[in-house]
Amino acid sequence: MTATRPMTTDRFRECLAIIGWTQNELARQLGINGSTAHQYARGIRPIQPELAEWLENLTTARIQAGLPRNWKNGAISPDSTKAA
C-alpha cells in the first residue's frame, strides 16, 4: 500500500489505537526515542511516508485478523478447546 498523501496526526493516533499500541510502544517497536513518537502524534515532526505505510499495513492486518474464533469475554470458550 502506497501512501499518496501525508498521514494526519488523527490517523496516526487512530492506527495506534486499532493496533493496540501506545506511542511509547511504537517507539519501542521502532527503536526510537519516545519523544519522537509523541512529536509524530502532535504534528511537530512529520510522519515519514514509509512509517505511514507500515502503520497502515499493520492496521489493515489487525482489522482483517479480528479476534480468535470462539473468543468470548476475553477467553476462549471451554467447548472450543475440546478435541473433536
Protein backbone atom coordinates (compact mmCIF):
# COMPACT_ATOMS: atom_id res chain seq x y z
CA MET A 1 0.00 0.00 0.00
CA THR A 2 1.49 3.33 -1.00
CA ALA A 3 0.51 6.43 0.91
CA THR A 4 -0.43 9.18 -1.55
CA ARG A 5 -0.80 11.98 0.98
CA PRO A 6 0.82 12.60 4.36
CA MET A 7 -0.64 10.76 7.34
CA THR A 8 -2.53 13.09 9.63
CA THR A 9 -1.99 13.10 13.37
CA ASP A 10 -5.57 11.90 13.83
CA ARG A 11 -4.95 8.93 11.52
CA PHE A 12 -1.64 8.23 13.27
CA ARG A 13 -3.40 8.00 16.64
CA GLU A 14 -6.27 6.00 15.14
CA CYS A 15 -3.84 3.44 13.68
CA LEU A 16 -2.09 3.05 17.03
CA ALA A 17 -5.44 2.54 18.76
CA ILE A 18 -6.52 -0.13 16.27
CA ILE A 19 -3.17 -1.91 16.52
CA GLY A 20 -3.39 -1.63 20.32
CA TRP A 21 -0.18 0.30 20.82
CA THR A 22 0.64 3.38 22.81
CA GLN A 23 3.04 5.94 21.44
CA ASN A 24 5.67 4.52 23.78
CA GLU A 25 5.07 1.01 22.43
CA LEU A 26 5.50 2.29 18.88
CA ALA A 27 8.78 3.89 19.94
CA ARG A 28 9.90 0.61 21.48
CA GLN A 29 8.97 -1.35 18.35
CA LEU A 30 10.87 1.07 16.12
CA GLY A 31 13.83 1.54 18.44
CA ILE A 32 13.29 5.30 18.61
CA ASN A 33 13.02 7.74 21.46
CA GLY A 34 9.54 8.04 22.96
CA SER A 35 9.59 11.78 22.43
CA THR A 36 9.85 11.20 18.68
CA ALA A 37 6.61 9.20 18.67
CA HIS A 38 4.94 11.94 20.75
CA GLN A 39 6.14 14.52 18.22
CA TYR A 40 4.54 12.48 15.41
CA ALA A 41 1.26 12.42 17.34
CA ARG A 42 1.31 16.17 17.96
CA GLY A 43 2.31 17.07 14.40
CA ILE A 44 5.63 18.55 15.50
CA ARG A 45 7.56 16.04 13.42
CA PRO A 46 6.27 14.89 10.02
CA ILE A 47 5.39 11.21 9.71
CA GLN A 48 7.61 9.73 7.03
CA PRO A 49 5.78 8.01 4.15
CA GLU A 50 7.48 4.68 4.96
CA LEU A 51 6.27 4.82 8.57
CA ALA A 52 2.76 5.80 7.46
CA GLU A 53 2.64 2.89 5.01
CA TRP A 54 3.89 0.44 7.65
CA LEU A 55 1.29 1.63 10.17
CA GLU A 56 -1.48 1.42 7.56
CA ASN A 57 -0.40 -2.14 6.71
CA LEU A 58 -0.39 -3.17 10.39
CA THR A 59 -3.79 -1.54 10.88
CA THR A 60 -5.25 -3.37 7.89
CA ALA A 61 -3.81 -6.68 9.10
CA ARG A 62 -5.25 -6.15 12.60
CA ILE A 63 -8.69 -5.33 11.21
CA GLN A 64 -8.67 -8.32 8.87
CA ALA A 65 -7.43 -10.71 11.56
CA GLY A 66 -10.15 -9.78 14.02
CA LEU A 67 -10.38 -11.83 17.18
CA PRO A 68 -9.77 -15.56 17.55
CA ARG A 69 -12.69 -17.82 16.66
CA ASN A 70 -14.85 -18.65 19.70
CA TRP A 71 -13.42 -15.72 21.66
CA LYS A 72 -15.89 -14.71 24.38
CA ASN A 73 -15.41 -12.20 27.19
CA GLY A 74 -11.63 -12.28 26.92
CA ALA A 75 -11.27 -16.05 27.00
CA ILE A 76 -11.60 -18.96 24.62
CA SER A 77 -14.80 -20.86 25.24
CA PRO A 78 -14.01 -24.16 27.08
CA ASP A 79 -16.06 -26.08 24.49
CA SER A 80 -13.82 -24.83 21.69
CA THR A 81 -10.70 -26.40 23.21
CA LYS A 82 -12.03 -29.98 23.26
CA ALA A 83 -10.62 -32.40 20.72
CA ALA A 84 -13.08 -33.44 18.05
